[in-house]
Amino acid sequence: MWLPGHTLGHIAFVNEAYLFCGDVLFSAGCGRLFEGTPAQMLASLNRLKKLPADTQVYCTHEYTGKNIDFALTLEPENQALFDRKQAVSQLRKDNKPSLPSTIALELSTNPFLRCNQSSIIRHAEVTEADELTVFTKIRLLRNHY
C-alpha cells in the first residue's frame, strides 16, 4: 500500500490480519514529514483507519511511551490513554515491547487518527477546526515535544 507523507515513496505491507507500516503510523503517533505534506500524511492515515479493527499494527521504533505522554497533552480526559499508559509502562518495566498494536487501539488513543475530537481541537488551540488544520498543528507540536 502506497502511503506518502513521511516520505513520498513510503509503502506499507498489509493483508487481512497484519499491517507493517514503517514510519507512517506509530503506536499512539505518526512519523515526521520529511518529504510529504500534511495533506498526504493525513490521507495515508485515513486509509489506515479503514482497516479492520483487529488488524495488528507493526510499526518501527519503540516510541509508544513518549507518544502517549504527548497524546495526553491533547486528551487529558481520555481514559483509554491512561489505561494504555499504565499497560505500556508495565511492559517497558518488564523489558518487553509495547508492539504490536491494533487499529482499534490506535483509533481510541492515537491523536493523529482522532483530529476531529473536540478535546484534541481544543488543546491544539487552532482557529479552524478542520481535520487538516488540526493534524498539521498537532504534528508541529509533536515535533517539538
N, C-alpha and C. Protein backbone atom coordinates (compact mmCIF):
# COMPACT_ATOMS: atom_id res chain seq x y z
N MET A 1 0.86 -1.17 0.00
CA MET A 1 0.00 0.00 0.00
C MET A 1 0.90 1.23 0.00
N TRP A 2 0.70 2.10 -0.98
CA TRP A 2 1.47 3.35 -1.06
C TRP A 2 0.88 4.34 -0.07
N LEU A 3 1.72 4.88 0.83
CA LEU A 3 1.28 5.79 1.89
C LEU A 3 2.24 6.97 2.00
N PRO A 4 2.17 7.91 1.08
CA PRO A 4 3.07 9.06 1.16
C PRO A 4 2.74 9.93 2.36
N GLY A 5 3.75 10.63 2.82
CA GLY A 5 3.59 11.52 3.97
C GLY A 5 4.92 11.63 4.70
N HIS A 6 5.35 10.54 5.28
CA HIS A 6 6.66 10.51 5.93
C HIS A 6 7.72 10.75 4.85
N THR A 7 7.65 9.97 3.80
CA THR A 7 8.44 10.19 2.58
C THR A 7 7.46 10.04 1.42
N LEU A 8 7.90 10.48 0.25
CA LEU A 8 7.00 10.41 -0.90
C LEU A 8 6.78 8.99 -1.40
N GLY A 9 7.76 8.13 -1.21
CA GLY A 9 7.65 6.77 -1.71
C GLY A 9 7.34 5.73 -0.64
N HIS A 10 6.90 6.16 0.51
CA HIS A 10 6.66 5.24 1.63
C HIS A 10 5.57 4.23 1.28
N ILE A 11 5.86 2.98 1.60
CA ILE A 11 4.87 1.92 1.40
C ILE A 11 4.70 1.14 2.70
N ALA A 12 3.59 0.44 2.79
CA ALA A 12 3.33 -0.47 3.89
C ALA A 12 2.92 -1.80 3.29
N PHE A 13 3.11 -2.83 4.06
CA PHE A 13 2.66 -4.16 3.67
C PHE A 13 1.47 -4.51 4.54
N VAL A 14 0.39 -4.92 3.90
CA VAL A 14 -0.85 -5.16 4.63
C VAL A 14 -1.56 -6.38 4.04
N ASN A 15 -2.17 -7.17 4.93
CA ASN A 15 -3.07 -8.23 4.48
C ASN A 15 -4.27 -8.22 5.42
N GLU A 16 -5.02 -9.30 5.45
CA GLU A 16 -6.25 -9.30 6.24
C GLU A 16 -6.03 -9.27 7.74
N ALA A 17 -4.80 -9.48 8.20
CA ALA A 17 -4.55 -9.53 9.65
C ALA A 17 -3.43 -8.64 10.14
N TYR A 18 -2.53 -8.24 9.26
CA TYR A 18 -1.32 -7.54 9.68
C TYR A 18 -1.06 -6.30 8.85
N LEU A 19 -0.52 -5.29 9.52
CA LEU A 19 -0.06 -4.07 8.87
C LEU A 19 1.38 -3.83 9.30
N PHE A 20 2.28 -3.81 8.35
CA PHE A 20 3.68 -3.44 8.58
C PHE A 20 3.84 -2.07 7.94
N CYS A 21 3.81 -1.03 8.79
CA CYS A 21 3.62 0.33 8.28
C CYS A 21 4.83 1.24 8.38
N GLY A 22 5.96 0.73 8.81
CA GLY A 22 7.15 1.57 8.86
C GLY A 22 6.94 2.79 9.73
N ASP A 23 7.22 3.97 9.17
CA ASP A 23 7.17 5.22 9.93
C ASP A 23 5.95 6.09 9.60
N VAL A 24 4.93 5.54 8.97
CA VAL A 24 3.72 6.33 8.73
C VAL A 24 2.89 6.39 10.00
N LEU A 25 2.56 5.25 10.53
CA LEU A 25 1.77 5.15 11.75
C LEU A 25 2.65 4.57 12.84
N PHE A 26 2.71 5.26 13.96
CA PHE A 26 3.39 4.73 15.13
C PHE A 26 2.34 4.37 16.17
N SER A 27 2.74 3.63 17.15
CA SER A 27 1.89 3.33 18.27
C SER A 27 1.64 4.64 19.02
N ALA A 28 0.40 5.12 18.97
CA ALA A 28 -0.01 6.39 19.58
C ALA A 28 0.61 7.60 18.90
N GLY A 29 1.05 7.48 17.67
CA GLY A 29 1.66 8.61 16.97
C GLY A 29 1.76 8.37 15.48
N CYS A 30 2.53 9.23 14.83
CA CYS A 30 2.82 9.07 13.41
C CYS A 30 4.19 9.66 13.13
N GLY A 31 4.73 9.33 11.98
CA GLY A 31 6.07 9.79 11.63
C GLY A 31 6.13 11.26 11.27
N ARG A 32 7.34 11.79 11.32
CA ARG A 32 7.57 13.17 10.88
C ARG A 32 7.38 13.26 9.37
N LEU A 33 7.18 14.46 8.91
CA LEU A 33 7.02 14.70 7.47
C LEU A 33 8.37 15.13 6.90
N PHE A 34 9.07 14.19 6.30
CA PHE A 34 10.38 14.50 5.72
C PHE A 34 10.26 14.98 4.28
N GLU A 35 9.42 14.33 3.48
CA GLU A 35 9.25 14.71 2.08
C GLU A 35 7.80 15.05 1.75
N GLY A 36 6.89 14.43 2.46
CA GLY A 36 5.48 14.61 2.15
C GLY A 36 4.88 15.83 2.80
N THR A 37 3.63 16.06 2.48
CA THR A 37 2.88 17.19 3.02
C THR A 37 1.93 16.69 4.11
N PRO A 38 1.45 17.62 4.94
CA PRO A 38 0.44 17.21 5.92
C PRO A 38 -0.78 16.57 5.26
N ALA A 39 -1.20 17.10 4.12
CA ALA A 39 -2.37 16.53 3.44
C ALA A 39 -2.11 15.09 3.00
N GLN A 40 -0.90 14.82 2.51
CA GLN A 40 -0.57 13.45 2.11
C GLN A 40 -0.57 12.51 3.31
N MET A 41 0.06 12.95 4.39
CA MET A 41 0.13 12.08 5.57
C MET A 41 -1.26 11.83 6.14
N LEU A 42 -2.07 12.86 6.23
CA LEU A 42 -3.42 12.69 6.74
C LEU A 42 -4.21 11.73 5.86
N ALA A 43 -4.09 11.85 4.56
CA ALA A 43 -4.78 10.94 3.65
C ALA A 43 -4.30 9.50 3.85
N SER A 44 -3.01 9.32 4.05
CA SER A 44 -2.47 7.99 4.30
C SER A 44 -2.99 7.42 5.61
N LEU A 45 -3.00 8.23 6.66
CA LEU A 45 -3.52 7.77 7.95
C LEU A 45 -5.01 7.44 7.85
N ASN A 46 -5.74 8.23 7.09
CA ASN A 46 -7.17 7.97 6.92
C ASN A 46 -7.42 6.65 6.18
N ARG A 47 -6.51 6.27 5.29
CA ARG A 47 -6.61 4.96 4.64
C ARG A 47 -6.44 3.85 5.67
N LEU A 48 -5.48 4.03 6.57
CA LEU A 48 -5.22 3.01 7.58
C LEU A 48 -6.38 2.88 8.57
N LYS A 49 -7.06 3.97 8.84
CA LYS A 49 -8.20 3.94 9.76
C LYS A 49 -9.31 3.02 9.27
N LYS A 50 -9.35 2.76 7.98
CA LYS A 50 -10.40 1.92 7.39
C LYS A 50 -10.11 0.42 7.46
N LEU A 51 -8.91 0.06 7.92
CA LEU A 51 -8.58 -1.35 8.05
C LEU A 51 -9.41 -1.98 9.17
N PRO A 52 -9.58 -3.29 9.14
CA PRO A 52 -10.35 -3.94 10.22
C PRO A 52 -9.75 -3.63 11.60
N ALA A 53 -10.61 -3.47 12.57
CA ALA A 53 -10.20 -3.06 13.92
C ALA A 53 -9.18 -4.02 14.53
N ASP A 54 -9.25 -5.29 14.21
CA ASP A 54 -8.35 -6.26 14.82
C ASP A 54 -7.03 -6.42 14.06
N THR A 55 -6.81 -5.62 13.03
CA THR A 55 -5.54 -5.66 12.30
C THR A 55 -4.40 -5.34 13.26
N GLN A 56 -3.41 -6.21 13.30
CA GLN A 56 -2.25 -5.97 14.15
C GLN A 56 -1.31 -4.99 13.45
N VAL A 57 -0.90 -3.98 14.19
CA VAL A 57 -0.06 -2.90 13.66
C VAL A 57 1.38 -3.10 14.12
N TYR A 58 2.25 -3.31 13.15
CA TYR A 58 3.68 -3.42 13.40
C TYR A 58 4.34 -2.20 12.79
N CYS A 59 4.77 -1.30 13.64
CA CYS A 59 5.45 -0.09 13.17
C CYS A 59 6.92 -0.18 13.58
N THR A 60 7.67 0.80 13.20
CA THR A 60 9.06 0.85 13.60
C THR A 60 9.19 1.72 14.85
N HIS A 61 10.23 1.53 15.59
CA HIS A 61 10.60 2.35 16.74
C HIS A 61 9.70 2.10 17.95
N GLU A 62 10.29 2.15 19.09
CA GLU A 62 9.60 2.00 20.36
C GLU A 62 9.38 3.38 20.96
N TYR A 63 8.45 4.12 20.35
CA TYR A 63 8.14 5.48 20.79
C TYR A 63 6.84 5.55 21.59
N THR A 64 6.24 4.41 21.89
CA THR A 64 4.89 4.41 22.44
C THR A 64 4.76 5.25 23.70
N GLY A 65 5.67 5.09 24.66
CA GLY A 65 5.57 5.83 25.92
C GLY A 65 5.56 7.33 25.71
N LYS A 66 6.51 7.82 24.94
CA LYS A 66 6.58 9.26 24.70
C LYS A 66 5.38 9.74 23.89
N ASN A 67 4.94 8.92 22.92
CA ASN A 67 3.76 9.29 22.14
C ASN A 67 2.51 9.38 23.02
N ILE A 68 2.39 8.48 23.96
CA ILE A 68 1.24 8.54 24.88
C ILE A 68 1.32 9.79 25.75
N ASP A 69 2.50 10.10 26.25
CA ASP A 69 2.64 11.33 27.04
C ASP A 69 2.22 12.55 26.25
N PHE A 70 2.62 12.61 24.97
CA PHE A 70 2.20 13.72 24.13
C PHE A 70 0.68 13.69 23.92
N ALA A 71 0.13 12.53 23.62
CA ALA A 71 -1.31 12.41 23.39
C ALA A 71 -2.11 12.89 24.60
N LEU A 72 -1.59 12.64 25.79
CA LEU A 72 -2.29 13.09 27.00
C LEU A 72 -2.32 14.61 27.13
N THR A 73 -1.41 15.32 26.47
CA THR A 73 -1.48 16.78 26.48
C THR A 73 -2.65 17.27 25.64
N LEU A 74 -3.11 16.44 24.72
CA LEU A 74 -4.23 16.80 23.85
C LEU A 74 -5.56 16.22 24.33
N GLU A 75 -5.50 15.11 25.04
CA GLU A 75 -6.71 14.46 25.53
C GLU A 75 -6.50 14.01 26.97
N PRO A 76 -6.37 14.96 27.88
CA PRO A 76 -6.08 14.60 29.28
C PRO A 76 -7.21 13.83 29.96
N GLU A 77 -8.39 13.79 29.37
CA GLU A 77 -9.51 13.07 29.98
C GLU A 77 -9.78 11.72 29.30
N ASN A 78 -8.92 11.30 28.37
CA ASN A 78 -9.13 10.06 27.63
C ASN A 78 -8.69 8.87 28.49
N GLN A 79 -9.66 8.16 29.05
CA GLN A 79 -9.35 7.03 29.93
C GLN A 79 -8.59 5.93 29.21
N ALA A 80 -8.88 5.72 27.93
CA ALA A 80 -8.16 4.70 27.17
C ALA A 80 -6.67 5.02 27.11
N LEU A 81 -6.33 6.30 27.05
CA LEU A 81 -4.92 6.70 27.06
C LEU A 81 -4.27 6.41 28.41
N PHE A 82 -4.97 6.71 29.49
CA PHE A 82 -4.43 6.41 30.82
C PHE A 82 -4.22 4.90 31.00
N ASP A 83 -5.19 4.12 30.53
CA ASP A 83 -5.06 2.66 30.64
C ASP A 83 -3.88 2.18 29.80
N ARG A 84 -3.75 2.74 28.61
CA ARG A 84 -2.65 2.33 27.74
C ARG A 84 -1.30 2.74 28.34
N LYS A 85 -1.25 3.93 28.93
CA LYS A 85 0.00 4.38 29.56
C LYS A 85 0.41 3.41 30.65
N GLN A 86 -0.53 2.99 31.47
CA GLN A 86 -0.22 2.05 32.55
C GLN A 86 0.26 0.72 31.98
N ALA A 87 -0.41 0.21 30.97
CA ALA A 87 -0.02 -1.07 30.37
C ALA A 87 1.35 -0.99 29.72
N VAL A 88 1.61 0.08 29.00
CA VAL A 88 2.91 0.25 28.33
C VAL A 88 4.02 0.43 29.36
N SER A 89 3.76 1.19 30.40
CA SER A 89 4.76 1.37 31.46
C SER A 89 5.16 0.04 32.06
N GLN A 90 4.18 -0.84 32.30
CA GLN A 90 4.49 -2.15 32.87
C GLN A 90 5.28 -3.01 31.88
N LEU A 91 4.88 -2.99 30.61
CA LEU A 91 5.62 -3.74 29.60
C LEU A 91 7.07 -3.30 29.53
N ARG A 92 7.28 -1.99 29.50
CA ARG A 92 8.65 -1.47 29.37
C ARG A 92 9.45 -1.75 30.65
N LYS A 93 8.79 -1.69 31.80
CA LYS A 93 9.46 -2.03 33.06
C LYS A 93 9.93 -3.47 33.04
N ASP A 94 9.14 -4.34 32.40
CA ASP A 94 9.49 -5.76 32.27
C ASP A 94 10.40 -6.02 31.07
N ASN A 95 10.88 -4.93 30.45
CA ASN A 95 11.77 -5.01 29.29
C ASN A 95 11.12 -5.73 28.10
N LYS A 96 9.81 -5.49 27.93
CA LYS A 96 9.05 -6.07 26.83
C LYS A 96 8.62 -4.94 25.89
N PRO A 97 8.43 -5.25 24.62
CA PRO A 97 7.99 -4.21 23.67
C PRO A 97 6.51 -3.89 23.86
N SER A 98 6.14 -2.69 23.46
CA SER A 98 4.74 -2.29 23.51
C SER A 98 4.01 -2.65 22.22
N LEU A 99 4.70 -3.25 21.30
CA LEU A 99 4.17 -3.57 19.98
C LEU A 99 3.99 -5.08 19.85
N PRO A 100 3.06 -5.52 19.02
CA PRO A 100 2.25 -4.74 18.10
C PRO A 100 1.07 -4.08 18.80
N SER A 101 0.48 -3.18 18.06
CA SER A 101 -0.76 -2.53 18.47
C SER A 101 -1.86 -3.10 17.59
N THR A 102 -3.03 -2.49 17.65
CA THR A 102 -4.12 -2.84 16.73
C THR A 102 -4.74 -1.55 16.21
N ILE A 103 -5.43 -1.66 15.12
CA ILE A 103 -6.15 -0.50 14.60
C ILE A 103 -7.15 0.01 15.64
N ALA A 104 -7.86 -0.89 16.30
CA ALA A 104 -8.83 -0.47 17.32
C ALA A 104 -8.17 0.34 18.43
N LEU A 105 -7.02 -0.13 18.91
CA LEU A 105 -6.32 0.58 19.97
C LEU A 105 -5.84 1.95 19.48
N GLU A 106 -5.36 2.00 18.27
CA GLU A 106 -4.92 3.28 17.71
C GLU A 106 -6.09 4.24 17.53
N LEU A 107 -7.22 3.73 17.11
CA LEU A 107 -8.39 4.60 16.93
C LEU A 107 -8.87 5.20 18.25
N SER A 108 -8.59 4.54 19.35
CA SER A 108 -9.04 5.07 20.65
C SER A 108 -7.98 5.91 21.35
N THR A 109 -6.72 5.85 20.91
CA THR A 109 -5.66 6.52 21.67
C THR A 109 -4.67 7.33 20.83
N ASN A 110 -4.72 7.25 19.54
CA ASN A 110 -3.74 7.94 18.71
C ASN A 110 -4.32 9.29 18.24
N PRO A 111 -3.76 10.40 18.70
CA PRO A 111 -4.35 11.70 18.34
C PRO A 111 -4.31 12.00 16.85
N PHE A 112 -3.38 11.41 16.13
CA PHE A 112 -3.28 11.66 14.69
C PHE A 112 -4.37 10.95 13.91
N LEU A 113 -5.05 10.03 14.55
CA LEU A 113 -6.22 9.37 13.95
C LEU A 113 -7.51 9.95 14.52
N ARG A 114 -7.40 10.94 15.39
CA ARG A 114 -8.55 11.49 16.10
C ARG A 114 -8.64 13.01 15.99
N CYS A 115 -8.20 13.55 14.88
CA CYS A 115 -8.12 15.01 14.71
C CYS A 115 -9.47 15.70 14.74
N ASN A 116 -10.54 14.93 14.68
CA ASN A 116 -11.88 15.53 14.73
C ASN A 116 -12.47 15.52 16.14
N GLN A 117 -11.73 15.05 17.13
CA GLN A 117 -12.22 15.00 18.50
C GLN A 117 -12.15 16.39 19.16
N SER A 118 -13.19 16.77 19.85
CA SER A 118 -13.27 18.12 20.41
C SER A 118 -12.13 18.43 21.38
N SER A 119 -11.74 17.47 22.19
CA SER A 119 -10.65 17.70 23.14
C SER A 119 -9.35 18.01 22.40
N ILE A 120 -9.07 17.26 21.36
CA ILE A 120 -7.84 17.50 20.59
C ILE A 120 -7.89 18.86 19.92
N ILE A 121 -9.01 19.20 19.35
CA ILE A 121 -9.16 20.51 18.71
C ILE A 121 -8.93 21.62 19.73
N ARG A 122 -9.55 21.48 20.89
CA ARG A 122 -9.43 22.50 21.95
C ARG A 122 -7.99 22.62 22.44
N HIS A 123 -7.33 21.52 22.72
CA HIS A 123 -5.97 21.56 23.26
C HIS A 123 -4.92 21.91 22.21
N ALA A 124 -5.26 21.73 20.94
CA ALA A 124 -4.34 22.13 19.87
C ALA A 124 -4.38 23.64 19.65
N GLU A 125 -5.40 24.27 20.20
CA GLU A 125 -5.55 25.73 20.10
C GLU A 125 -5.48 26.23 18.67
N VAL A 126 -6.32 25.63 17.82
CA VAL A 126 -6.39 26.04 16.42
C VAL A 126 -7.60 26.95 16.23
N THR A 127 -7.49 27.85 15.26
CA THR A 127 -8.61 28.75 14.99
C THR A 127 -9.60 28.11 14.02
N GLU A 128 -9.14 27.15 13.22
CA GLU A 128 -10.03 26.41 12.32
C GLU A 128 -10.01 24.96 12.76
N ALA A 129 -11.17 24.36 12.81
CA ALA A 129 -11.27 23.01 13.36
C ALA A 129 -11.31 21.92 12.29
N ASP A 130 -10.97 22.25 11.05
CA ASP A 130 -10.98 21.19 10.04
C ASP A 130 -9.85 20.21 10.31
N GLU A 131 -10.04 18.99 9.86
CA GLU A 131 -9.13 17.89 10.18
C GLU A 131 -7.69 18.17 9.76
N LEU A 132 -7.49 18.74 8.58
CA LEU A 132 -6.13 19.00 8.11
C LEU A 132 -5.43 20.06 8.96
N THR A 133 -6.13 21.11 9.33
CA THR A 133 -5.55 22.15 10.18
C THR A 133 -5.15 21.57 11.54
N VAL A 134 -6.02 20.76 12.11
CA VAL A 134 -5.73 20.15 13.41
C VAL A 134 -4.55 19.20 13.29
N PHE A 135 -4.56 18.35 12.27
CA PHE A 135 -3.45 17.43 12.07
C PHE A 135 -2.13 18.18 11.93
N THR A 136 -2.11 19.20 11.10
CA THR A 136 -0.89 19.97 10.86
C THR A 136 -0.36 20.57 12.16
N LYS A 137 -1.27 21.12 12.96
CA LYS A 137 -0.86 21.74 14.21
C LYS A 137 -0.32 20.72 15.20
N ILE A 138 -1.00 19.59 15.36
CA ILE A 138 -0.52 18.64 16.35
C ILE A 138 0.76 17.94 15.88
N ARG A 139 0.95 17.81 14.57
CA ARG A 139 2.22 17.24 14.09
C ARG A 139 3.36 18.21 14.41
N LEU A 140 3.12 19.52 14.26
CA LEU A 140 4.14 20.51 14.62
C LEU A 140 4.41 20.51 16.12
N LEU A 141 3.35 20.39 16.92
CA LEU A 141 3.52 20.32 18.37
C LEU A 141 4.36 19.10 18.76
N ARG A 142 4.07 17.97 18.12
CA ARG A 142 4.82 16.74 18.44
C ARG A 142 6.28 16.86 18.04
N ASN A 143 6.57 17.61 16.97
CA ASN A 143 7.96 17.79 16.53
C ASN A 143 8.81 18.42 17.63
N HIS A 144 8.17 19.23 18.47
CA HIS A 144 8.91 19.97 19.49
C HIS A 144 8.63 19.48 20.91
N TYR A 145 7.97 18.34 21.02
CA TYR A 145 7.62 17.81 22.34
C TYR A 145 8.80 17.09 22.96
